[in-house]
Amino acid sequence: MKRVLFVCLGNICRSPAAEGVFRHQLSAAGLEKRFLVDSAGTGGWHTGKRADPRMRAAAARRGLDLTSRARQLDAADLEHFDHILTMDAANLAAVQRLAQHVKAGGASRLAVVEPLVRYCQRGTPGEVPDPYYGGEQGFELVLDLLEDACAGLLQALLRSQA
């Protein structure tokens, strides 16, 4: 079983949406039993809260149900998950700093940490932008990017399992 964790800043917009998109794609392909999927934030301000209502509404318009509750990334995640996908450079740097700390503590195996946009197939965006302070179009753009990147991620993970 592959274990995948999506990470953004507060775990209420981008990473729960990525989790929902990826779960939806797994379900459509009949692969949900081959993957464990979760999301987290580098900060803990929103711990226990549902995804932002604007992101839930945008996702619902696409048939996606975002059910996760926000949580903060912790050191154990680096050893538990196989792949940690970040939304932007700040998230990537925060996870990499934590990974260095965990590795220095003697961890024998750490997750592969990389930007999710690496898997985009329809262009090369630098990051998944945070829509929190923008309008409705920002949430739609994020979902477009996540659908593309998650599809590419799924293809890559399936190839690596073959």
N, C-alpha and C. Protein backbone atom coordinates (compact mmCIF):
# COMPACT_ATOMS: atom_id res chain seq x y z
N MET A 1 0.85 -1.18 0.00
CA MET A 1 0.00 0.00 0.00
C MET A 1 0.89 1.24 0.00
N LYS A 2 0.59 2.16 -0.92
CA LYS A 2 1.30 3.44 -0.98
C LYS A 2 0.59 4.43 -0.06
N ARG A 3 1.40 5.18 0.70
CA ARG A 3 0.87 6.17 1.63
C ARG A 3 1.27 7.56 1.16
N VAL A 4 0.26 8.40 0.89
CA VAL A 4 0.47 9.72 0.28
C VAL A 4 -0.11 10.79 1.19
N LEU A 5 0.70 11.84 1.45
CA LEU A 5 0.27 12.96 2.28
C LEU A 5 0.45 14.25 1.50
N PHE A 6 -0.61 15.06 1.46
CA PHE A 6 -0.57 16.36 0.81
C PHE A 6 -0.43 17.43 1.90
N VAL A 7 0.45 18.43 1.66
CA VAL A 7 0.74 19.43 2.68
C VAL A 7 0.64 20.84 2.11
N CYS A 8 -0.07 21.71 2.84
CA CYS A 8 -0.09 23.14 2.57
C CYS A 8 0.13 23.87 3.89
N LEU A 9 -0.21 25.13 3.95
CA LEU A 9 0.07 25.92 5.13
C LEU A 9 -0.87 25.60 6.30
N GLY A 10 -2.17 25.78 6.11
CA GLY A 10 -3.10 25.61 7.21
C GLY A 10 -3.98 24.38 7.14
N ASN A 11 -3.90 23.64 6.06
CA ASN A 11 -4.68 22.42 5.84
C ASN A 11 -6.18 22.69 5.79
N ILE A 12 -6.56 23.84 5.19
CA ILE A 12 -8.00 24.09 5.02
C ILE A 12 -8.37 24.42 3.58
N CYS A 13 -7.41 24.61 2.69
CA CYS A 13 -7.73 24.91 1.29
C CYS A 13 -7.09 23.90 0.34
N ARG A 14 -5.81 24.07 0.09
CA ARG A 14 -5.14 23.31 -0.96
C ARG A 14 -4.94 21.84 -0.63
N SER A 15 -4.39 21.53 0.54
CA SER A 15 -4.10 20.12 0.82
C SER A 15 -5.35 19.27 1.03
N PRO A 16 -6.41 19.76 1.71
CA PRO A 16 -7.60 18.91 1.77
C PRO A 16 -8.25 18.76 0.40
N ALA A 17 -8.12 19.77 -0.45
CA ALA A 17 -8.65 19.65 -1.81
C ALA A 17 -7.85 18.62 -2.59
N ALA A 18 -6.52 18.64 -2.44
CA ALA A 18 -5.69 17.63 -3.12
C ALA A 18 -6.05 16.23 -2.63
N GLU A 19 -6.25 16.10 -1.33
CA GLU A 19 -6.66 14.81 -0.77
C GLU A 19 -7.98 14.36 -1.40
N GLY A 20 -8.95 15.27 -1.47
CA GLY A 20 -10.25 14.93 -2.05
C GLY A 20 -10.17 14.59 -3.52
N VAL A 21 -9.39 15.36 -4.28
CA VAL A 21 -9.22 15.09 -5.71
C VAL A 21 -8.56 13.73 -5.91
N PHE A 22 -7.50 13.46 -5.16
CA PHE A 22 -6.77 12.21 -5.33
C PHE A 22 -7.65 11.02 -4.93
N ARG A 23 -8.38 11.14 -3.83
CA ARG A 23 -9.30 10.06 -3.42
C ARG A 23 -10.35 9.81 -4.51
N HIS A 24 -10.88 10.89 -5.08
CA HIS A 24 -11.88 10.76 -6.15
C HIS A 24 -11.29 10.01 -7.36
N GLN A 25 -10.08 10.38 -7.74
CA GLN A 25 -9.43 9.71 -8.87
C GLN A 25 -9.15 8.24 -8.56
N LEU A 26 -8.74 7.96 -7.34
CA LEU A 26 -8.51 6.56 -6.94
C LEU A 26 -9.81 5.77 -6.99
N SER A 27 -10.88 6.36 -6.49
CA SER A 27 -12.17 5.68 -6.49
C SER A 27 -12.64 5.40 -7.92
N ALA A 28 -12.50 6.39 -8.80
CA ALA A 28 -12.91 6.23 -10.19
C ALA A 28 -12.14 5.12 -10.88
N ALA A 29 -10.90 4.90 -10.45
CA ALA A 29 -10.06 3.85 -11.04
C ALA A 29 -10.14 2.53 -10.28
N GLY A 30 -10.92 2.49 -9.20
CA GLY A 30 -11.05 1.28 -8.40
C GLY A 30 -9.77 0.94 -7.63
N LEU A 31 -9.01 1.97 -7.26
CA LEU A 31 -7.71 1.76 -6.63
C LEU A 31 -7.64 2.21 -5.16
N GLU A 32 -8.77 2.57 -4.58
CA GLU A 32 -8.73 3.16 -3.25
C GLU A 32 -8.13 2.24 -2.19
N LYS A 33 -8.18 0.93 -2.38
CA LYS A 33 -7.61 0.00 -1.38
C LYS A 33 -6.09 -0.12 -1.49
N ARG A 34 -5.51 0.44 -2.56
CA ARG A 34 -4.06 0.36 -2.75
C ARG A 34 -3.33 1.58 -2.20
N PHE A 35 -4.09 2.56 -1.69
CA PHE A 35 -3.49 3.81 -1.22
C PHE A 35 -4.09 4.25 0.11
N LEU A 36 -3.25 4.83 0.93
CA LEU A 36 -3.68 5.55 2.12
C LEU A 36 -3.40 7.02 1.83
N VAL A 37 -4.41 7.87 1.95
CA VAL A 37 -4.29 9.28 1.56
C VAL A 37 -4.71 10.17 2.73
N ASP A 38 -3.93 11.22 2.98
CA ASP A 38 -4.22 12.15 4.06
C ASP A 38 -3.70 13.53 3.66
N SER A 39 -3.97 14.52 4.51
CA SER A 39 -3.44 15.87 4.29
C SER A 39 -3.10 16.47 5.64
N ALA A 40 -2.23 17.48 5.60
CA ALA A 40 -1.80 18.17 6.82
C ALA A 40 -1.33 19.56 6.45
N GLY A 41 -1.16 20.39 7.47
CA GLY A 41 -0.65 21.73 7.29
C GLY A 41 0.65 21.91 8.04
N THR A 42 1.49 22.80 7.56
CA THR A 42 2.73 23.08 8.29
C THR A 42 2.45 23.88 9.56
N GLY A 43 1.31 24.58 9.60
CA GLY A 43 0.89 25.31 10.79
C GLY A 43 -0.33 24.65 11.41
N GLY A 44 -0.55 24.93 12.67
CA GLY A 44 -1.65 24.28 13.39
C GLY A 44 -2.82 25.17 13.74
N TRP A 45 -2.94 26.35 13.10
CA TRP A 45 -3.98 27.31 13.45
C TRP A 45 -5.39 26.76 13.29
N HIS A 46 -5.59 25.87 12.34
CA HIS A 46 -6.94 25.43 12.01
C HIS A 46 -7.22 23.98 12.44
N THR A 47 -6.37 23.43 13.29
CA THR A 47 -6.51 22.03 13.70
C THR A 47 -7.96 21.72 14.12
N GLY A 48 -8.48 20.64 13.56
CA GLY A 48 -9.82 20.18 13.87
C GLY A 48 -10.92 20.77 13.01
N LYS A 49 -10.60 21.79 12.23
CA LYS A 49 -11.62 22.44 11.39
C LYS A 49 -11.76 21.73 10.05
N ARG A 50 -12.93 21.87 9.47
CA ARG A 50 -13.17 21.36 8.12
C ARG A 50 -12.51 22.30 7.12
N ALA A 51 -12.45 21.87 5.89
CA ALA A 51 -11.89 22.70 4.82
C ALA A 51 -12.70 24.00 4.71
N ASP A 52 -12.04 25.03 4.22
CA ASP A 52 -12.65 26.34 4.01
C ASP A 52 -13.97 26.15 3.24
N PRO A 53 -15.05 26.82 3.66
CA PRO A 53 -16.35 26.66 2.99
C PRO A 53 -16.30 26.99 1.50
N ARG A 54 -15.46 27.94 1.11
CA ARG A 54 -15.36 28.29 -0.32
C ARG A 54 -14.72 27.15 -1.11
N MET A 55 -13.74 26.49 -0.51
CA MET A 55 -13.11 25.34 -1.18
C MET A 55 -14.08 24.16 -1.22
N ARG A 56 -14.81 23.95 -0.15
CA ARG A 56 -15.80 22.86 -0.15
C ARG A 56 -16.86 23.10 -1.22
N ALA A 57 -17.29 24.35 -1.38
CA ALA A 57 -18.31 24.67 -2.39
C ALA A 57 -17.76 24.46 -3.80
N ALA A 58 -16.55 24.94 -4.05
CA ALA A 58 -15.94 24.76 -5.38
C ALA A 58 -15.76 23.28 -5.68
N ALA A 59 -15.32 22.52 -4.68
CA ALA A 59 -15.13 21.08 -4.86
C ALA A 59 -16.47 20.38 -5.11
N ALA A 60 -17.49 20.77 -4.37
CA ALA A 60 -18.81 20.15 -4.53
C ALA A 60 -19.36 20.35 -5.94
N ARG A 61 -19.07 21.51 -6.54
CA ARG A 61 -19.51 21.75 -7.91
C ARG A 61 -18.87 20.77 -8.89
N ARG A 62 -17.77 20.17 -8.48
CA ARG A 62 -17.08 19.18 -9.33
C ARG A 62 -17.36 17.75 -8.86
N GLY A 63 -18.27 17.60 -7.93
CA GLY A 63 -18.62 16.27 -7.44
C GLY A 63 -17.66 15.72 -6.40
N LEU A 64 -16.90 16.61 -5.78
CA LEU A 64 -15.92 16.20 -4.76
C LEU A 64 -16.44 16.54 -3.38
N ASP A 65 -16.26 15.62 -2.44
CA ASP A 65 -16.68 15.84 -1.06
C ASP A 65 -15.42 15.91 -0.19
N LEU A 66 -15.16 17.08 0.39
CA LEU A 66 -13.98 17.25 1.23
C LEU A 66 -14.39 17.03 2.68
N THR A 67 -14.00 15.88 3.23
CA THR A 67 -14.48 15.49 4.56
C THR A 67 -13.41 15.55 5.64
N SER A 68 -12.17 15.77 5.27
CA SER A 68 -11.10 15.72 6.27
C SER A 68 -11.16 16.89 7.23
N ARG A 69 -10.48 16.73 8.35
CA ARG A 69 -10.33 17.78 9.37
C ARG A 69 -8.87 18.19 9.41
N ALA A 70 -8.65 19.49 9.54
CA ALA A 70 -7.27 20.02 9.52
C ALA A 70 -6.45 19.44 10.68
N ARG A 71 -5.20 19.19 10.36
CA ARG A 71 -4.23 18.75 11.37
C ARG A 71 -2.87 19.30 10.98
N GLN A 72 -1.98 19.34 11.95
CA GLN A 72 -0.64 19.84 11.69
C GLN A 72 0.29 18.67 11.39
N LEU A 73 1.16 18.87 10.43
CA LEU A 73 2.20 17.91 10.10
C LEU A 73 3.05 17.66 11.34
N ASP A 74 3.44 16.40 11.56
CA ASP A 74 4.36 16.11 12.65
C ASP A 74 5.48 15.20 12.17
N ALA A 75 6.49 15.07 12.98
CA ALA A 75 7.69 14.32 12.61
C ALA A 75 7.36 12.88 12.21
N ALA A 76 6.42 12.26 12.87
CA ALA A 76 6.07 10.87 12.56
C ALA A 76 5.57 10.71 11.14
N ASP A 77 4.97 11.77 10.57
CA ASP A 77 4.47 11.69 9.19
C ASP A 77 5.60 11.38 8.21
N LEU A 78 6.78 11.88 8.48
CA LEU A 78 7.92 11.68 7.57
C LEU A 78 8.35 10.22 7.51
N GLU A 79 8.09 9.49 8.56
CA GLU A 79 8.43 8.07 8.57
C GLU A 79 7.24 7.20 8.16
N HIS A 80 6.03 7.68 8.39
CA HIS A 80 4.83 6.90 8.10
C HIS A 80 4.45 6.91 6.62
N PHE A 81 4.59 8.07 5.97
CA PHE A 81 4.16 8.19 4.58
C PHE A 81 5.31 7.88 3.61
N ASP A 82 4.95 7.42 2.42
CA ASP A 82 5.93 7.15 1.37
C ASP A 82 6.22 8.42 0.56
N HIS A 83 5.18 9.23 0.35
CA HIS A 83 5.28 10.44 -0.47
C HIS A 83 4.59 11.59 0.24
N ILE A 84 5.30 12.71 0.37
CA ILE A 84 4.71 13.93 0.90
C ILE A 84 4.81 14.97 -0.19
N LEU A 85 3.64 15.47 -0.64
CA LEU A 85 3.55 16.40 -1.75
C LEU A 85 3.16 17.77 -1.21
N THR A 86 3.99 18.77 -1.49
CA THR A 86 3.76 20.12 -0.98
C THR A 86 3.16 21.01 -2.06
N MET A 87 2.50 22.09 -1.60
CA MET A 87 1.80 22.98 -2.51
C MET A 87 2.64 24.15 -2.99
N ASP A 88 3.61 24.60 -2.19
CA ASP A 88 4.43 25.74 -2.62
C ASP A 88 5.83 25.65 -2.00
N ALA A 89 6.68 26.59 -2.36
CA ALA A 89 8.09 26.56 -1.92
C ALA A 89 8.22 26.68 -0.41
N ALA A 90 7.38 27.49 0.23
CA ALA A 90 7.44 27.64 1.68
C ALA A 90 7.07 26.33 2.38
N ASN A 91 6.04 25.65 1.87
CA ASN A 91 5.66 24.36 2.44
C ASN A 91 6.77 23.34 2.25
N LEU A 92 7.35 23.33 1.05
CA LEU A 92 8.45 22.41 0.76
C LEU A 92 9.61 22.64 1.73
N ALA A 93 10.00 23.90 1.92
CA ALA A 93 11.12 24.21 2.81
C ALA A 93 10.81 23.79 4.25
N ALA A 94 9.59 24.01 4.71
CA ALA A 94 9.20 23.63 6.07
C ALA A 94 9.27 22.12 6.26
N VAL A 95 8.78 21.37 5.29
CA VAL A 95 8.81 19.90 5.39
C VAL A 95 10.25 19.40 5.30
N GLN A 96 11.05 19.99 4.45
CA GLN A 96 12.46 19.58 4.33
C GLN A 96 13.22 19.86 5.62
N ARG A 97 12.94 20.99 6.29
CA ARG A 97 13.58 21.28 7.59
C ARG A 97 13.21 20.23 8.61
N LEU A 98 11.94 19.87 8.65
CA LEU A 98 11.49 18.84 9.58
C LEU A 98 12.13 17.50 9.24
N ALA A 99 12.25 17.19 7.96
CA ALA A 99 12.89 15.94 7.53
C ALA A 99 14.35 15.88 7.98
N GLN A 100 15.07 17.00 7.89
CA GLN A 100 16.46 17.02 8.36
C GLN A 100 16.54 16.72 9.85
N HIS A 101 15.61 17.27 10.61
CA HIS A 101 15.56 17.03 12.05
C HIS A 101 15.28 15.55 12.34
N VAL A 102 14.32 14.99 11.62
CA VAL A 102 13.95 13.59 11.82
C VAL A 102 15.10 12.67 11.43
N LYS A 103 15.75 12.99 10.32
CA LYS A 103 16.89 12.19 9.87
C LYS A 103 18.03 12.27 10.87
N ALA A 104 18.29 13.46 11.41
CA ALA A 104 19.35 13.63 12.41
C ALA A 104 19.04 12.83 13.67
N GLY A 105 17.75 12.59 13.91
CA GLY A 105 17.33 11.80 15.07
C GLY A 105 17.47 10.30 14.86
N GLY A 106 17.93 9.90 13.68
CA GLY A 106 18.20 8.49 13.45
C GLY A 106 17.14 7.74 12.67
N ALA A 107 16.23 8.43 12.04
CA ALA A 107 15.20 7.73 11.25
C ALA A 107 15.85 6.93 10.13
N SER A 108 15.38 5.73 9.95
CA SER A 108 15.97 4.86 8.92
C SER A 108 15.34 5.05 7.55
N ARG A 109 14.10 5.49 7.52
CA ARG A 109 13.39 5.65 6.25
C ARG A 109 12.53 6.90 6.32
N LEU A 110 12.66 7.74 5.31
CA LEU A 110 11.85 8.96 5.25
C LEU A 110 11.07 9.00 3.95
N ALA A 111 9.96 9.70 3.99
CA ALA A 111 9.13 9.89 2.79
C ALA A 111 9.89 10.67 1.73
N VAL A 112 9.52 10.47 0.49
CA VAL A 112 9.98 11.32 -0.60
C VAL A 112 9.18 12.61 -0.48
N VAL A 113 9.87 13.73 -0.38
CA VAL A 113 9.23 15.04 -0.22
C VAL A 113 9.48 15.84 -1.50
N GLU A 114 8.39 16.28 -2.13
CA GLU A 114 8.54 17.01 -3.39
C GLU A 114 7.30 17.86 -3.66
N PRO A 115 7.45 18.85 -4.54
CA PRO A 115 6.29 19.68 -4.88
C PRO A 115 5.29 18.90 -5.74
N LEU A 116 4.03 19.04 -5.43
CA LEU A 116 2.98 18.36 -6.20
C LEU A 116 2.98 18.80 -7.66
N VAL A 117 3.28 20.08 -7.91
CA VAL A 117 3.22 20.58 -9.30
C VAL A 117 4.22 19.87 -10.21
N ARG A 118 5.16 19.15 -9.64
CA ARG A 118 6.09 18.36 -10.44
C ARG A 118 5.33 17.38 -11.35
N TYR A 119 4.13 17.02 -10.96
CA TYR A 119 3.35 16.03 -11.70
C TYR A 119 2.32 16.64 -12.65
N CYS A 120 2.29 17.96 -12.76
CA CYS A 120 1.37 18.59 -13.71
C CYS A 120 1.72 18.16 -15.13
N GLN A 121 0.70 17.90 -15.90
CA GLN A 121 0.88 17.43 -17.27
C GLN A 121 0.50 18.49 -18.30
N ARG A 122 -0.27 19.50 -17.88
CA ARG A 122 -0.75 20.54 -18.79
C ARG A 122 -0.09 21.87 -18.46
N GLY A 123 1.20 21.90 -18.43
CA GLY A 123 1.90 23.13 -18.10
C GLY A 123 2.86 22.92 -16.94
N THR A 124 3.58 23.97 -16.61
CA THR A 124 4.57 23.87 -15.54
C THR A 124 4.43 25.03 -14.55
N PRO A 125 3.36 25.01 -13.76
CA PRO A 125 3.21 26.07 -12.76
C PRO A 125 4.29 25.93 -11.68
N GLY A 126 4.67 27.04 -11.09
CA GLY A 126 5.68 27.00 -10.05
C GLY A 126 5.16 26.49 -8.72
N GLU A 127 3.85 26.64 -8.51
CA GLU A 127 3.26 26.21 -7.25
C GLU A 127 1.74 26.14 -7.39
N VAL A 128 1.11 25.59 -6.38
CA VAL A 128 -0.34 25.65 -6.27
C VAL A 128 -0.60 26.88 -5.40
N PRO A 129 -1.14 27.96 -5.99
CA PRO A 129 -1.30 29.20 -5.24
C PRO A 129 -2.34 29.08 -4.13
N ASP A 130 -2.12 29.81 -3.06
CA ASP A 130 -3.06 29.80 -1.94
C ASP A 130 -4.25 30.70 -2.28
N PRO A 131 -5.46 30.15 -2.36
CA PRO A 131 -6.62 30.95 -2.75
C PRO A 131 -7.30 31.67 -1.57
N TYR A 132 -6.79 31.50 -0.38
CA TYR A 132 -7.47 31.94 0.84
C TYR A 132 -7.91 33.41 0.80
N TYR A 133 -7.04 34.30 0.33
CA TYR A 133 -7.36 35.73 0.35
C TYR A 133 -7.91 36.24 -0.98
N GLY A 134 -8.20 35.35 -1.89
CA GLY A 134 -8.70 35.76 -3.20
C GLY A 134 -10.17 35.46 -3.36
N GLY A 135 -10.60 35.55 -4.59
CA GLY A 135 -12.00 35.30 -4.92
C GLY A 135 -12.25 33.87 -5.37
N GLU A 136 -13.46 33.64 -5.81
CA GLU A 136 -13.91 32.31 -6.22
C GLU A 136 -13.03 31.71 -7.33
N GLN A 137 -12.54 32.56 -8.25
CA GLN A 137 -11.73 32.05 -9.36
C GLN A 137 -10.45 31.37 -8.86
N GLY A 138 -9.92 31.85 -7.73
CA GLY A 138 -8.72 31.25 -7.17
C GLY A 138 -8.94 29.80 -6.75
N PHE A 139 -10.10 29.52 -6.20
CA PHE A 139 -10.43 28.15 -5.78
C PHE A 139 -10.59 27.25 -7.00
N GLU A 140 -11.19 27.78 -8.05
CA GLU A 140 -11.34 27.01 -9.29
C GLU A 140 -9.98 26.71 -9.92
N LEU A 141 -9.11 27.71 -9.94
CA LEU A 141 -7.76 27.51 -10.48
C LEU A 141 -7.02 26.44 -9.69
N VAL A 142 -7.11 26.49 -8.38
CA VAL A 142 -6.45 25.49 -7.54
C VAL A 142 -6.97 24.10 -7.87
N LEU A 143 -8.27 23.95 -7.99
CA LEU A 143 -8.83 22.64 -8.33
C LEU A 143 -8.39 22.17 -9.71
N ASP A 144 -8.32 23.08 -10.68
CA ASP A 144 -7.80 22.71 -12.01
C ASP A 144 -6.39 22.16 -11.90
N LEU A 145 -5.53 22.86 -11.16
CA LEU A 145 -4.14 22.42 -10.99
C LEU A 145 -4.07 21.09 -10.26
N LEU A 146 -4.88 20.95 -9.22
CA LEU A 146 -4.85 19.71 -8.43
C LEU A 146 -5.34 18.51 -9.24
N GLU A 147 -6.37 18.70 -10.04
CA GLU A 147 -6.85 17.59 -10.87
C GLU A 147 -5.77 17.13 -11.84
N ASP A 148 -5.07 18.08 -12.44
CA ASP A 148 -3.98 17.76 -13.36
C ASP A 148 -2.82 17.08 -12.64
N ALA A 149 -2.35 17.70 -11.57
CA ALA A 149 -1.19 17.17 -10.85
C ALA A 149 -1.49 15.82 -10.22
N CYS A 150 -2.66 15.65 -9.64
CA CYS A 150 -3.00 14.37 -9.01
C CYS A 150 -3.10 13.25 -10.05
N ALA A 151 -3.61 13.56 -11.23
CA ALA A 151 -3.66 12.55 -12.29
C ALA A 151 -2.24 12.13 -12.69
N GLY A 152 -1.35 13.10 -12.82
CA GLY A 152 0.05 12.78 -13.13
C GLY A 152 0.72 12.00 -12.01
N LEU A 153 0.43 12.38 -10.77
CA LEU A 153 0.97 11.65 -9.61
C LEU A 153 0.50 10.21 -9.62
N LEU A 154 -0.79 10.00 -9.84
CA LEU A 154 -1.31 8.65 -9.86
C LEU A 154 -0.63 7.81 -10.94
N GLN A 155 -0.49 8.36 -12.13
CA GLN A 155 0.20 7.63 -13.20
C GLN A 155 1.62 7.26 -12.80
N ALA A 156 2.32 8.21 -12.20
CA ALA A 156 3.71 7.97 -11.79
C ALA A 156 3.78 6.88 -10.70
N LEU A 157 2.88 6.92 -9.74
CA LEU A 157 2.89 5.93 -8.67
C LEU A 157 2.53 4.54 -9.21
N LEU A 158 1.61 4.48 -10.14
CA LEU A 158 1.25 3.19 -10.73
C LEU A 158 2.40 2.62 -11.54
N ARG A 159 3.12 3.48 -12.27
CA ARG A 159 4.28 3.01 -13.02
C ARG A 159 5.35 2.47 -12.08
N SER A 160 5.54 3.12 -10.94
CA SER A 160 6.57 2.68 -10.00
C SER A 160 6.20 1.38 -9.31
N GLN A 161 4.92 1.03 -9.28
CA GLN A 161 4.48 -0.21 -8.68
C GLN A 161 4.50 -1.37 -9.67
N ALA A 162 4.58 -1.06 -10.95
CA ALA A 162 4.51 -2.10 -11.98
C ALA A 162 5.77 -2.95 -12.02
